[in-house]
Amino acid sequence: MSRLPLPAPAGEALAAWLANGRPQCESRAVFVTVRRPYRQLTPEAVRAVMGRACGRAGLQRRGAHRLRHALATEMLRAGASLPEVGQVLRHRSQLSTALYAKVDQNALRPLARPWPGAGK
């Protein structure tokens, strides 16, 4: 089992869900459906939730993998290393992590040197 830090707001939201939001049921899963019969959330259910949320927000439908990409991008912008991102995403290979960690060209622009002879 991996242990990762949990930001305080996320921990508070999780505690509130477990104490007041999660339906009483036999499932030991943390996240269950909100309508009977209560079952553990499946990947298909997460995709459906994402689709409905995109529709309500007036956005083009995106897959749940977009959440992983957004997390990887934000972690890198905050200074996390690729191995750290890979650990959070639970990748076995850094090549898998690199697919989510697209280069942020706007962040690199200030680091670029002028092209030789471009200022003439």
PDB file of N, CA and C in Angstrom:
ATOM      1  N   MET A   1       0.843  -1.168   0.000  1.00  0.00           N
ATOM      2  CA  MET A   1       0.000   0.000   0.000  1.00  0.00           C
ATOM      3  C   MET A   1       0.890   1.233   0.000  1.00  0.00           C
ATOM      4  N   SER A   2       0.543   2.210  -0.824  1.00  0.00           N
ATOM      5  CA  SER A   2       1.276   3.473  -0.871  1.00  0.00           C
ATOM      6  C   SER A   2       0.621   4.479   0.053  1.00  0.00           C
ATOM      7  N   ARG A   3       1.432   5.312   0.653  1.00  0.00           N
ATOM      8  CA  ARG A   3       0.922   6.397   1.487  1.00  0.00           C
ATOM      9  C   ARG A   3       1.366   7.702   0.861  1.00  0.00           C
ATOM     10  N   LEU A   4       0.416   8.579   0.651  1.00  0.00           N
ATOM     11  CA  LEU A   4       0.690   9.884   0.064  1.00  0.00           C
ATOM     12  C   LEU A   4       0.090  10.955   0.965  1.00  0.00           C
ATOM     13  N   PRO A   5       0.685  12.150   0.976  1.00  0.00           N
ATOM     14  CA  PRO A   5       0.114  13.229   1.793  1.00  0.00           C
ATOM     15  C   PRO A   5      -1.262  13.631   1.270  1.00  0.00           C
ATOM     16  N   LEU A   6      -2.120  14.022   2.177  1.00  0.00           N
ATOM     17  CA  LEU A   6      -3.466  14.460   1.825  1.00  0.00           C
ATOM     18  C   LEU A   6      -3.619  15.907   2.282  1.00  0.00           C
ATOM     19  N   PRO A   7      -3.834  16.837   1.343  1.00  0.00           N
ATOM     20  CA  PRO A   7      -4.026  18.236   1.754  1.00  0.00           C
ATOM     21  C   PRO A   7      -5.206  18.364   2.721  1.00  0.00           C
ATOM     22  N   ALA A   8      -5.103  19.268   3.658  1.00  0.00           N
ATOM     23  CA  ALA A   8      -6.133  19.435   4.689  1.00  0.00           C
ATOM     24  C   ALA A   8      -7.534  19.628   4.106  1.00  0.00           C
ATOM     25  N   PRO A   9      -7.729  20.490   3.083  1.00  0.00           N
ATOM     26  CA  PRO A   9      -9.094  20.642   2.551  1.00  0.00           C
ATOM     27  C   PRO A   9      -9.656  19.335   1.973  1.00  0.00           C
ATOM     28  N   ALA A  10      -8.801  18.552   1.337  1.00  0.00           N
ATOM     29  CA  ALA A  10      -9.269  17.272   0.790  1.00  0.00           C
ATOM     30  C   ALA A  10      -9.622  16.311   1.922  1.00  0.00           C
ATOM     31  N   GLY A  11      -8.803  16.293   2.967  1.00  0.00           N
ATOM     32  CA  GLY A  11      -9.090  15.434   4.119  1.00  0.00           C
ATOM     33  C   GLY A  11     -10.380  15.831   4.816  1.00  0.00           C
ATOM     34  N   GLU A  12     -10.613  17.128   4.937  1.00  0.00           N
ATOM     35  CA  GLU A  12     -11.846  17.609   5.569  1.00  0.00           C
ATOM     36  C   GLU A  12     -13.066  17.235   4.730  1.00  0.00           C
ATOM     37  N   ALA A  13     -12.951  17.370   3.408  1.00  0.00           N
ATOM     38  CA  ALA A  13     -14.067  17.008   2.525  1.00  0.00           C
ATOM     39  C   ALA A  13     -14.334  15.507   2.594  1.00  0.00           C
ATOM     40  N   LEU A  14     -13.277  14.711   2.634  1.00  0.00           N
ATOM     41  CA  LEU A  14     -13.431  13.263   2.729  1.00  0.00           C
ATOM     42  C   LEU A  14     -14.084  12.870   4.051  1.00  0.00           C
ATOM     43  N   ALA A  15     -13.642  13.486   5.145  1.00  0.00           N
ATOM     44  CA  ALA A  15     -14.237  13.194   6.454  1.00  0.00           C
ATOM     45  C   ALA A  15     -15.712  13.580   6.474  1.00  0.00           C
ATOM     46  N   ALA A  16     -16.048  14.729   5.879  1.00  0.00           N
ATOM     47  CA  ALA A  16     -17.454  15.157   5.829  1.00  0.00           C
ATOM     48  C   ALA A  16     -18.286  14.182   5.009  1.00  0.00           C
ATOM     49  N   TRP A  17     -17.740  13.700   3.890  1.00  0.00           N
ATOM     50  CA  TRP A  17     -18.459  12.718   3.055  1.00  0.00           C
ATOM     51  C   TRP A  17     -18.718  11.441   3.842  1.00  0.00           C
ATOM     52  N   LEU A  18     -17.694  10.955   4.530  1.00  0.00           N
ATOM     53  CA  LEU A  18     -17.852   9.707   5.284  1.00  0.00           C
ATOM     54  C   LEU A  18     -18.814   9.868   6.457  1.00  0.00           C
ATOM     55  N   ALA A  19     -18.809  11.041   7.087  1.00  0.00           N
ATOM     56  CA  ALA A  19     -19.660  11.266   8.255  1.00  0.00           C
ATOM     57  C   ALA A  19     -21.094  11.628   7.888  1.00  0.00           C
ATOM     58  N   ASN A  20     -21.267  12.406   6.813  1.00  0.00           N
ATOM     59  CA  ASN A  20     -22.596  12.971   6.550  1.00  0.00           C
ATOM     60  C   ASN A  20     -23.145  12.727   5.155  1.00  0.00           C
ATOM     61  N   GLY A  21     -22.316  12.391   4.189  1.00  0.00           N
ATOM     62  CA  GLY A  21     -22.802  12.291   2.816  1.00  0.00           C
ATOM     63  C   GLY A  21     -22.934  10.879   2.283  1.00  0.00           C
ATOM     64  N   ARG A  22     -22.046  10.011   2.701  1.00  0.00           N
ATOM     65  CA  ARG A  22     -22.031   8.651   2.164  1.00  0.00           C
ATOM     66  C   ARG A  22     -23.230   7.868   2.690  1.00  0.00           C
ATOM     67  N   PRO A  23     -23.957   7.230   1.789  1.00  0.00           N
ATOM     68  CA  PRO A  23     -25.107   6.434   2.236  1.00  0.00           C
ATOM     69  C   PRO A  23     -24.665   5.262   3.123  1.00  0.00           C
ATOM     70  N   GLN A  24     -25.500   4.927   4.083  1.00  0.00           N
ATOM     71  CA  GLN A  24     -25.251   3.752   4.915  1.00  0.00           C
ATOM     72  C   GLN A  24     -25.485   2.516   4.047  1.00  0.00           C
ATOM     73  N   CYS A  25     -24.457   1.684   3.923  1.00  0.00           N
ATOM     74  CA  CYS A  25     -24.601   0.480   3.109  1.00  0.00           C
ATOM     75  C   CYS A  25     -23.551  -0.540   3.506  1.00  0.00           C
ATOM     76  N   GLU A  26     -23.671  -1.725   2.934  1.00  0.00           N
ATOM     77  CA  GLU A  26     -22.756  -2.820   3.260  1.00  0.00           C
ATOM     78  C   GLU A  26     -21.411  -2.693   2.584  1.00  0.00           C
ATOM     79  N   SER A  27     -21.321  -1.927   1.517  1.00  0.00           N
ATOM     80  CA  SER A  27     -20.070  -1.801   0.771  1.00  0.00           C
ATOM     81  C   SER A  27     -19.009  -1.142   1.637  1.00  0.00           C
ATOM     82  N   ARG A  28     -17.791  -1.669   1.554  1.00  0.00           N
ATOM     83  CA  ARG A  28     -16.674  -1.076   2.294  1.00  0.00           C
ATOM     84  C   ARG A  28     -15.956  -0.022   1.464  1.00  0.00           C
ATOM     85  N   ALA A  29     -16.385   0.195   0.226  1.00  0.00           N
ATOM     86  CA  ALA A  29     -15.769   1.198  -0.636  1.00  0.00           C
ATOM     87  C   ALA A  29     -16.041   2.595  -0.080  1.00  0.00           C
ATOM     88  N   VAL A  30     -15.075   3.472  -0.225  1.00  0.00           N
ATOM     89  CA  VAL A  30     -15.254   4.852   0.242  1.00  0.00           C
ATOM     90  C   VAL A  30     -16.289   5.566  -0.616  1.00  0.00           C
ATOM     91  N   PHE A  31     -16.173   5.392  -1.938  1.00  0.00           N
ATOM     92  CA  PHE A  31     -17.077   6.089  -2.851  1.00  0.00           C
ATOM     93  C   PHE A  31     -18.060   5.096  -3.444  1.00  0.00           C
ATOM     94  N   VAL A  32     -19.330   5.360  -3.190  1.00  0.00           N
ATOM     95  CA  VAL A  32     -20.408   4.492  -3.678  1.00  0.00           C
ATOM     96  C   VAL A  32     -21.430   5.343  -4.423  1.00  0.00           C
ATOM     97  N   THR A  33     -22.286   4.674  -5.154  1.00  0.00           N
ATOM     98  CA  THR A  33     -23.350   5.377  -5.861  1.00  0.00           C
ATOM     99  C   THR A  33     -24.264   6.046  -4.828  1.00  0.00           C
ATOM    100  N   VAL A  34     -24.942   7.119  -5.249  1.00  0.00           N
ATOM    101  CA  VAL A  34     -25.791   7.836  -4.300  1.00  0.00           C
ATOM    102  C   VAL A  34     -27.239   7.359  -4.346  1.00  0.00           C
ATOM    103  N   ARG A  35     -27.546   6.448  -5.267  1.00  0.00           N
ATOM    104  CA  ARG A  35     -28.891   5.856  -5.342  1.00  0.00           C
ATOM    105  C   ARG A  35     -28.800   4.349  -5.129  1.00  0.00           C
ATOM    106  N   ARG A  36     -29.858   3.810  -4.588  1.00  0.00           N
ATOM    107  CA  ARG A  36     -29.913   2.349  -4.395  1.00  0.00           C
ATOM    108  C   ARG A  36     -29.943   1.637  -5.731  1.00  0.00           C
ATOM    109  N   PRO A  37     -29.424   0.461  -5.841  1.00  0.00           N
ATOM    110  CA  PRO A  37     -28.627  -0.232  -4.831  1.00  0.00           C
ATOM    111  C   PRO A  37     -27.236   0.387  -4.750  1.00  0.00           C
ATOM    112  N   TYR A  38     -26.767   0.662  -3.542  1.00  0.00           N
ATOM    113  CA  TYR A  38     -25.470   1.301  -3.357  1.00  0.00           C
ATOM    114  C   TYR A  38     -24.360   0.337  -3.734  1.00  0.00           C
ATOM    115  N   ARG A  39     -23.523   0.785  -4.654  1.00  0.00           N
ATOM    116  CA  ARG A  39     -22.403  -0.028  -5.123  1.00  0.00           C
ATOM    117  C   ARG A  39     -21.165   0.831  -5.232  1.00  0.00           C
ATOM    118  N   GLN A  40     -20.030   0.168  -5.216  1.00  0.00           N
ATOM    119  CA  GLN A  40     -18.763   0.868  -5.417  1.00  0.00           C
ATOM    120  C   GLN A  40     -18.780   1.539  -6.786  1.00  0.00           C
ATOM    121  N   LEU A  41     -18.221   2.755  -6.855  1.00  0.00           N
ATOM    122  CA  LEU A  41     -18.140   3.444  -8.144  1.00  0.00           C
ATOM    123  C   LEU A  41     -17.224   2.668  -9.084  1.00  0.00           C
ATOM    124  N   THR A  42     -17.655   2.523 -10.302  1.00  0.00           N
ATOM    125  CA  THR A  42     -16.872   1.840 -11.326  1.00  0.00           C
ATOM    126  C   THR A  42     -16.247   2.888 -12.251  1.00  0.00           C
ATOM    127  N   PRO A  43     -15.270   2.489 -13.061  1.00  0.00           N
ATOM    128  CA  PRO A  43     -14.734   3.426 -14.049  1.00  0.00           C
ATOM    129  C   PRO A  43     -15.821   3.983 -14.975  1.00  0.00           C
ATOM    130  N   GLU A  44     -16.797   3.164 -15.320  1.00  0.00           N
ATOM    131  CA  GLU A  44     -17.899   3.620 -16.175  1.00  0.00           C
ATOM    132  C   GLU A  44     -18.716   4.700 -15.479  1.00  0.00           C
ATOM    133  N   ALA A  45     -18.938   4.536 -14.173  1.00  0.00           N
ATOM    134  CA  ALA A  45     -19.695   5.541 -13.421  1.00  0.00           C
ATOM    135  C   ALA A  45     -18.930   6.860 -13.363  1.00  0.00           C
ATOM    136  N   VAL A  46     -17.624   6.793 -13.195  1.00  0.00           N
ATOM    137  CA  VAL A  46     -16.814   8.014 -13.161  1.00  0.00           C
ATOM    138  C   VAL A  46     -16.883   8.710 -14.516  1.00  0.00           C
ATOM    139  N   ARG A  47     -16.816   7.943 -15.605  1.00  0.00           N
ATOM    140  CA  ARG A  47     -16.936   8.527 -16.947  1.00  0.00           C
ATOM    141  C   ARG A  47     -18.292   9.209 -17.118  1.00  0.00           C
ATOM    142  N   ALA A  48     -19.337   8.583 -16.628  1.00  0.00           N
ATOM    143  CA  ALA A  48     -20.674   9.166 -16.745  1.00  0.00           C
ATOM    144  C   ALA A  48     -20.772  10.468 -15.950  1.00  0.00           C
ATOM    145  N   VAL A  49     -20.202  10.496 -14.748  1.00  0.00           N
ATOM    146  CA  VAL A  49     -20.204  11.710 -13.933  1.00  0.00           C
ATOM    147  C   VAL A  49     -19.455  12.823 -14.656  1.00  0.00           C
ATOM    148  N   MET A  50     -18.306  12.486 -15.224  1.00  0.00           N
ATOM    149  CA  MET A  50     -17.527  13.483 -15.977  1.00  0.00           C
ATOM    150  C   MET A  50     -18.331  14.017 -17.154  1.00  0.00           C
ATOM    151  N   GLY A  51     -18.993  13.134 -17.876  1.00  0.00           N
ATOM    152  CA  GLY A  51     -19.788  13.557 -19.030  1.00  0.00           C
ATOM    153  C   GLY A  51     -20.892  14.514 -18.634  1.00  0.00           C
ATOM    154  N   ARG A  52     -21.601  14.183 -17.554  1.00  0.00           N
ATOM    155  CA  ARG A  52     -22.685  15.061 -17.089  1.00  0.00           C
ATOM    156  C   ARG A  52     -22.137  16.397 -16.603  1.00  0.00           C
ATOM    157  N   ALA A  53     -21.007  16.379 -15.909  1.00  0.00           N
ATOM    158  CA  ALA A  53     -20.413  17.630 -15.412  1.00  0.00           C
ATOM    159  C   ALA A  53     -19.983  18.521 -16.577  1.00  0.00           C
ATOM    160  N   CYS A  54     -19.401  17.926 -17.612  1.00  0.00           N
ATOM    161  CA  CYS A  54     -19.018  18.710 -18.798  1.00  0.00           C
ATOM    162  C   CYS A  54     -20.260  19.322 -19.442  1.00  0.00           C
ATOM    163  N   GLY A  55     -21.328  18.543 -19.545  1.00  0.00           N
ATOM    164  CA  GLY A  55     -22.570  19.044 -20.134  1.00  0.00           C
ATOM    165  C   GLY A  55     -23.139  20.214 -19.348  1.00  0.00           C
ATOM    166  N   ARG A  56     -23.161  20.087 -18.020  1.00  0.00           N
ATOM    167  CA  ARG A  56     -23.687  21.169 -17.177  1.00  0.00           C
ATOM    168  C   ARG A  56     -22.829  22.424 -17.289  1.00  0.00           C
ATOM    169  N   ALA A  57     -21.520  22.242 -17.506  1.00  0.00           N
ATOM    170  CA  ALA A  57     -20.612  23.389 -17.595  1.00  0.00           C
ATOM    171  C   ALA A  57     -20.550  23.948 -19.011  1.00  0.00           C
ATOM    172  N   GLY A  58     -21.258  23.309 -19.946  1.00  0.00           N
ATOM    173  CA  GLY A  58     -21.243  23.779 -21.323  1.00  0.00           C
ATOM    174  C   GLY A  58     -19.935  23.480 -22.042  1.00  0.00           C
ATOM    175  N   LEU A  59     -19.220  22.462 -21.574  1.00  0.00           N
ATOM    176  CA  LEU A  59     -17.940  22.096 -22.170  1.00  0.00           C
ATOM    177  C   LEU A  59     -18.084  20.873 -23.061  1.00  0.00           C
ATOM    178  N   GLN A  60     -17.147  20.730 -23.980  1.00  0.00           N
ATOM    179  CA  GLN A  60     -17.087  19.524 -24.790  1.00  0.00           C
ATOM    180  C   GLN A  60     -16.821  18.348 -23.850  1.00  0.00           C
ATOM    181  N   ARG A  61     -17.466  17.227 -24.111  1.00  0.00           N
ATOM    182  CA  ARG A  61     -17.298  16.053 -23.257  1.00  0.00           C
ATOM    183  C   ARG A  61     -15.838  15.612 -23.248  1.00  0.00           C
ATOM    184  N   ARG A  62     -15.308  15.370 -22.074  1.00  0.00           N
ATOM    185  CA  ARG A  62     -13.930  14.920 -21.887  1.00  0.00           C
ATOM    186  C   ARG A  62     -13.939  13.635 -21.076  1.00  0.00           C
ATOM    187  N   GLY A  63     -12.934  12.833 -21.290  1.00  0.00           N
ATOM    188  CA  GLY A  63     -12.812  11.591 -20.543  1.00  0.00           C
ATOM    189  C   GLY A  63     -12.243  11.825 -19.153  1.00  0.00           C
ATOM    190  N   ALA A  64     -12.418  10.836 -18.287  1.00  0.00           N
ATOM    191  CA  ALA A  64     -11.924  10.937 -16.918  1.00  0.00           C
ATOM    192  C   ALA A  64     -10.402  11.012 -16.878  1.00  0.00           C
ATOM    193  N   HIS A  65      -9.733  10.504 -17.923  1.00  0.00           N
ATOM    194  CA  HIS A  65      -8.275  10.588 -17.961  1.00  0.00           C
ATOM    195  C   HIS A  65      -7.808  12.045 -17.960  1.00  0.00           C
ATOM    196  N   ARG A  66      -8.685  12.967 -18.355  1.00  0.00           N
ATOM    197  CA  ARG A  66      -8.349  14.389 -18.359  1.00  0.00           C
ATOM    198  C   ARG A  66      -8.026  14.857 -16.939  1.00  0.00           C
ATOM    199  N   LEU A  67      -8.668  14.252 -15.939  1.00  0.00           N
ATOM    200  CA  LEU A  67      -8.370  14.603 -14.552  1.00  0.00           C
ATOM    201  C   LEU A  67      -6.931  14.240 -14.205  1.00  0.00           C
ATOM    202  N   ARG A  68      -6.481  13.083 -14.685  1.00  0.00           N
ATOM    203  CA  ARG A  68      -5.101  12.658 -14.427  1.00  0.00           C
ATOM    204  C   ARG A  68      -4.115  13.606 -15.105  1.00  0.00           C
ATOM    205  N   HIS A  69      -4.433  13.996 -16.339  1.00  0.00           N
ATOM    206  CA  HIS A  69      -3.566  14.913 -17.075  1.00  0.00           C
ATOM    207  C   HIS A  69      -3.499  16.260 -16.351  1.00  0.00           C
ATOM    208  N   ALA A  70      -4.636  16.752 -15.907  1.00  0.00           N
ATOM    209  CA  ALA A  70      -4.672  18.041 -15.199  1.00  0.00           C
ATOM    210  C   ALA A  70      -3.875  17.959 -13.900  1.00  0.00           C
ATOM    211  N   LEU A  71      -4.007  16.853 -13.178  1.00  0.00           N
ATOM    212  CA  LEU A  71      -3.255  16.684 -11.942  1.00  0.00           C
ATOM    213  C   LEU A  71      -1.758  16.673 -12.224  1.00  0.00           C
ATOM    214  N   ALA A  72      -1.326  15.909 -13.232  1.00  0.00           N
ATOM    215  CA  ALA A  72       0.097  15.842 -13.567  1.00  0.00           C
ATOM    216  C   ALA A  72       0.626  17.221 -13.947  1.00  0.00           C
ATOM    217  N   THR A  73      -0.125  17.945 -14.758  1.00  0.00           N
ATOM    218  CA  THR A  73       0.299  19.270 -15.194  1.00  0.00           C
ATOM    219  C   THR A  73       0.427  20.219 -14.011  1.00  0.00           C
ATOM    220  N   GLU A  74      -0.548  20.229 -13.130  1.00  0.00           N
ATOM    221  CA  GLU A  74      -0.509  21.132 -11.977  1.00  0.00           C
ATOM    222  C   GLU A  74       0.606  20.756 -11.010  1.00  0.00           C
ATOM    223  N   MET A  75       0.849  19.461 -10.841  1.00  0.00           N
ATOM    224  CA  MET A  75       1.941  19.044  -9.962  1.00  0.00           C
ATOM    225  C   MET A  75       3.278  19.515 -10.512  1.00  0.00           C
ATOM    226  N   LEU A  76       3.475  19.377 -11.834  1.00  0.00           N
ATOM    227  CA  LEU A  76       4.727  19.818 -12.446  1.00  0.00           C
ATOM    228  C   LEU A  76       4.890  21.332 -12.322  1.00  0.00           C
ATOM    229  N   ARG A  77       3.813  22.085 -12.531  1.00  0.00           N
ATOM    230  CA  ARG A  77       3.875  23.546 -12.396  1.00  0.00           C
ATOM    231  C   ARG A  77       4.208  23.959 -10.972  1.00  0.00           C
ATOM    232  N   ALA A  78       3.803  23.140 -10.021  1.00  0.00           N
ATOM    233  CA  ALA A  78       4.072  23.447  -8.614  1.00  0.00           C
ATOM    234  C   ALA A  78       5.466  22.990  -8.182  1.00  0.00           C
ATOM    235  N   GLY A  79       6.215  22.377  -9.107  1.00  0.00           N
ATOM    236  CA  GLY A  79       7.585  21.998  -8.794  1.00  0.00           C
ATOM    237  C   GLY A  79       7.819  20.534  -8.504  1.00  0.00           C
ATOM    238  N   ALA A  80       6.814  19.693  -8.661  1.00  0.00           N
ATOM    239  CA  ALA A  80       7.002  18.257  -8.433  1.00  0.00           C
ATOM    240  C   ALA A  80       7.867  17.669  -9.549  1.00  0.00           C
ATOM    241  N   SER A  81       8.592  16.627  -9.224  1.00  0.00           N
ATOM    242  CA  SER A  81       9.414  15.935 -10.219  1.00  0.00           C
ATOM    243  C   SER A  81       8.572  14.885 -10.938  1.00  0.00           C
ATOM    244  N   LEU A  82       9.068  14.428 -12.095  1.00  0.00           N
ATOM    245  CA  LEU A  82       8.351  13.363 -12.814  1.00  0.00           C
ATOM    246  C   LEU A  82       8.190  12.106 -11.964  1.00  0.00           C
ATOM    247  N   PRO A  83       9.228  11.667 -11.227  1.00  0.00           N
ATOM    248  CA  PRO A  83       9.011  10.491 -10.366  1.00  0.00           C
ATOM    249  C   PRO A  83       7.917  10.707  -9.319  1.00  0.00           C
ATOM    250  N   GLU A  84       7.821  11.924  -8.778  1.00  0.00           N
ATOM    251  CA  GLU A  84       6.755  12.202  -7.803  1.00  0.00           C
ATOM    252  C   GLU A  84       5.382  12.130  -8.464  1.00  0.00           C
ATOM    253  N   VAL A  85       5.260  12.696  -9.666  1.00  0.00           N
ATOM    254  CA  VAL A  85       3.992  12.632 -10.394  1.00  0.00           C
ATOM    255  C   VAL A  85       3.644  11.175 -10.682  1.00  0.00           C
ATOM    256  N   GLY A  86       4.640  10.411 -11.120  1.00  0.00           N
ATOM    257  CA  GLY A  86       4.410   8.998 -11.407  1.00  0.00           C
ATOM    258  C   GLY A  86       3.956   8.222 -10.187  1.00  0.00           C
ATOM    259  N   GLN A  87       4.503   8.568  -9.015  1.00  0.00           N
ATOM    260  CA  GLN A  87       4.094   7.889  -7.789  1.00  0.00           C
ATOM    261  C   GLN A  87       2.625   8.178  -7.474  1.00  0.00           C
ATOM    262  N   VAL A  88       2.231   9.437  -7.611  1.00  0.00           N
ATOM    263  CA  VAL A  88       0.837   9.807  -7.325  1.00  0.00           C
ATOM    264  C   VAL A  88      -0.111   9.134  -8.324  1.00  0.00           C
ATOM    265  N   LEU A  89       0.289   9.107  -9.605  1.00  0.00           N
ATOM    266  CA  LEU A  89      -0.553   8.477 -10.626  1.00  0.00           C
ATOM    267  C   LEU A  89      -0.431   6.958 -10.619  1.00  0.00           C
ATOM    268  N   ARG A  90       0.489   6.446  -9.790  1.00  0.00           N
ATOM    269  CA  ARG A  90       0.711   5.004  -9.623  1.00  0.00           C
ATOM    270  C   ARG A  90       1.180   4.344 -10.918  1.00  0.00           C
ATOM    271  N   HIS A  91       2.084   5.021 -11.614  1.00  0.00           N
ATOM    272  CA  HIS A  91       2.671   4.459 -12.831  1.00  0.00           C
ATOM    273  C   HIS A  91       3.852   3.571 -12.478  1.00  0.00           C
ATOM    274  N   ARG A  92       4.024   2.522 -13.240  1.00  0.00           N
ATOM    275  CA  ARG A  92       5.193   1.651 -13.060  1.00  0.00           C
ATOM    276  C   ARG A  92       6.366   2.145 -13.883  1.00  0.00           C
ATOM    277  N   SER A  93       6.089   2.888 -14.939  1.00  0.00           N
ATOM    278  CA  SER A  93       7.129   3.350 -15.846  1.00  0.00           C
ATOM    279  C   SER A  93       7.086   4.869 -15.970  1.00  0.00           C
ATOM    280  N   GLN A  94       8.275   5.504 -15.994  1.00  0.00           N
ATOM    281  CA  GLN A  94       8.316   6.949 -16.202  1.00  0.00           C
ATOM    282  C   GLN A  94       7.837   7.312 -17.596  1.00  0.00           C
ATOM    283  N   LEU A  95       7.908   6.380 -18.540  1.00  0.00           N
ATOM    284  CA  LEU A  95       7.391   6.651 -19.881  1.00  0.00           C
ATOM    285  C   LEU A  95       5.892   6.903 -19.822  1.00  0.00           C
ATOM    286  N   SER A  96       5.195   6.182 -18.965  1.00  0.00           N
ATOM    287  CA  SER A  96       3.756   6.410 -18.806  1.00  0.00           C
ATOM    288  C   SER A  96       3.493   7.801 -18.250  1.00  0.00           C
ATOM    289  N   THR A  97       4.294   8.203 -17.282  1.00  0.00           N
ATOM    290  CA  THR A  97       4.121   9.523 -16.673  1.00  0.00           C
ATOM    291  C   THR A  97       4.390  10.623 -17.683  1.00  0.00           C
ATOM    292  N   ALA A  98       5.399  10.419 -18.520  1.00  0.00           N
ATOM    293  CA  ALA A  98       5.774  11.445 -19.495  1.00  0.00           C
ATOM    294  C   ALA A  98       4.629  11.761 -20.449  1.00  0.00           C
ATOM    295  N   LEU A  99       3.751  10.798 -20.704  1.00  0.00           N
ATOM    296  CA  LEU A  99       2.608  11.055 -21.583  1.00  0.00           C
ATOM    297  C   LEU A  99       1.664  12.088 -20.986  1.00  0.00           C
ATOM    298  N   TYR A 100       1.535  12.097 -19.666  1.00  0.00           N
ATOM    299  CA  TYR A 100       0.662  13.070 -19.004  1.00  0.00           C
ATOM    300  C   TYR A 100       1.366  14.403 -18.796  1.00  0.00           C
ATOM    301  N   ALA A 101       2.672  14.368 -18.717  1.00  0.00           N
ATOM    302  CA  ALA A 101       3.443  15.554 -18.377  1.00  0.00           C
ATOM    303  C   ALA A 101       3.895  16.273 -19.641  1.00  0.00           C
ATOM    304  N   LYS A 102       2.974  16.903 -20.311  1.00  0.00           N
ATOM    305  CA  LYS A 102       3.282  17.665 -21.523  1.00  0.00           C
ATOM    306  C   LYS A 102       4.134  18.877 -21.157  1.00  0.00           C
ATOM    307  N   VAL A 103       4.975  19.279 -22.076  1.00  0.00           N
ATOM    308  CA  VAL A 103       5.835  20.438 -21.841  1.00  0.00           C
ATOM    309  C   VAL A 103       4.983  21.701 -21.876  1.00  0.00           C
ATOM    310  N   ASP A 104       5.158  22.541 -20.877  1.00  0.00           N
ATOM    311  CA  ASP A 104       4.463  23.814 -20.801  1.00  0.00           C
ATOM    312  C   ASP A 104       5.313  24.862 -21.514  1.00  0.00           C
ATOM    313  N   GLN A 105       5.020  25.118 -22.776  1.00  0.00           N
ATOM    314  CA  GLN A 105       5.840  26.022 -23.576  1.00  0.00           C
ATOM    315  C   GLN A 105       5.827  27.445 -23.030  1.00  0.00           C
ATOM    316  N   ASN A 106       4.717  27.894 -22.484  1.00  0.00           N
ATOM    317  CA  ASN A 106       4.664  29.248 -21.918  1.00  0.00           C
ATOM    318  C   ASN A 106       5.604  29.382 -20.723  1.00  0.00           C
ATOM    319  N   ALA A 107       5.724  28.326 -19.924  1.00  0.00           N
ATOM    320  CA  ALA A 107       6.629  28.382 -18.773  1.00  0.00           C
ATOM    321  C   ALA A 107       8.088  28.332 -19.217  1.00  0.00           C
ATOM    322  N   LEU A 108       8.364  27.701 -20.353  1.00  0.00           N
ATOM    323  CA  LEU A 108       9.737  27.601 -20.850  1.00  0.00           C
ATOM    324  C   LEU A 108      10.184  28.861 -21.597  1.00  0.00           C
ATOM    325  N   ARG A 109       9.248  29.626 -22.128  1.00  0.00           N
ATOM    326  CA  ARG A 109       9.573  30.791 -22.956  1.00  0.00           C
ATOM    327  C   ARG A 109      10.577  31.743 -22.282  1.00  0.00           C
ATOM    328  N   PRO A 110      10.428  32.108 -21.005  1.00  0.00           N
ATOM    329  CA  PRO A 110      11.395  33.021 -20.384  1.00  0.00           C
ATOM    330  C   PRO A 110      12.807  32.425 -20.273  1.00  0.00           C
ATOM    331  N   LEU A 111      12.926  31.111 -20.351  1.00  0.00           N
ATOM    332  CA  LEU A 111      14.231  30.467 -20.231  1.00  0.00           C
ATOM    333  C   LEU A 111      14.966  30.370 -21.561  1.00  0.00           C
ATOM    334  N   ALA A 112      14.254  30.561 -22.660  1.00  0.00           N
ATOM    335  CA  ALA A 112      14.855  30.396 -23.985  1.00  0.00           C
ATOM    336  C   ALA A 112      15.818  31.540 -24.276  1.00  0.00           C
ATOM    337  N   ARG A 113      16.916  31.194 -24.921  1.00  0.00           N
ATOM    338  CA  ARG A 113      17.886  32.207 -25.347  1.00  0.00           C
ATOM    339  C   ARG A 113      17.511  32.688 -26.736  1.00  0.00           C
ATOM    340  N   PRO A 114      17.846  33.921 -27.046  1.00  0.00           N
ATOM    341  CA  PRO A 114      17.535  34.423 -28.403  1.00  0.00           C
ATOM    342  C   PRO A 114      18.300  33.613 -29.458  1.00  0.00           C
ATOM    343  N   TRP A 115      17.663  33.460 -30.606  1.00  0.00           N
ATOM    344  CA  TRP A 115      18.296  32.758 -31.724  1.00  0.00           C
ATOM    345  C   TRP A 115      19.485  33.591 -32.196  1.00  0.00           C
ATOM    346  N   PRO A 116      20.651  32.963 -32.409  1.00  0.00           N
ATOM    347  CA  PRO A 116      21.843  33.727 -32.832  1.00  0.00           C
ATOM    348  C   PRO A 116      21.562  34.509 -34.127  1.00  0.00           C
ATOM    349  N   GLY A 117      21.849  35.779 -34.101  1.00  0.00           N
ATOM    350  CA  GLY A 117      21.681  36.610 -35.288  1.00  0.00           C
ATOM    351  C   GLY A 117      20.260  37.109 -35.501  1.00  0.00           C
ATOM    352  N   ALA A 118      19.325  36.768 -34.622  1.00  0.00           N
ATOM    353  CA  ALA A 118      17.928  37.168 -34.820  1.00  0.00           C
ATOM    354  C   ALA A 118      17.732  38.655 -34.562  1.00  0.00           C
ATOM    355  N   GLY A 119      18.606  39.276 -33.798  1.00  0.00           N
ATOM    356  CA  GLY A 119      18.422  40.669 -33.444  1.00  0.00           C
ATOM    357  C   GLY A 119      19.041  41.644 -34.442  1.00  0.00           C
ATOM    358  N   LYS A 120      19.553  41.160 -35.565  1.00  0.00           N
ATOM    359  CA  LYS A 120      20.220  42.046 -36.532  1.00  0.00           C
ATOM    360  C   LYS A 120      19.266  42.743 -37.428  1.00  0.00           C
TER     361      LYS A 120
END
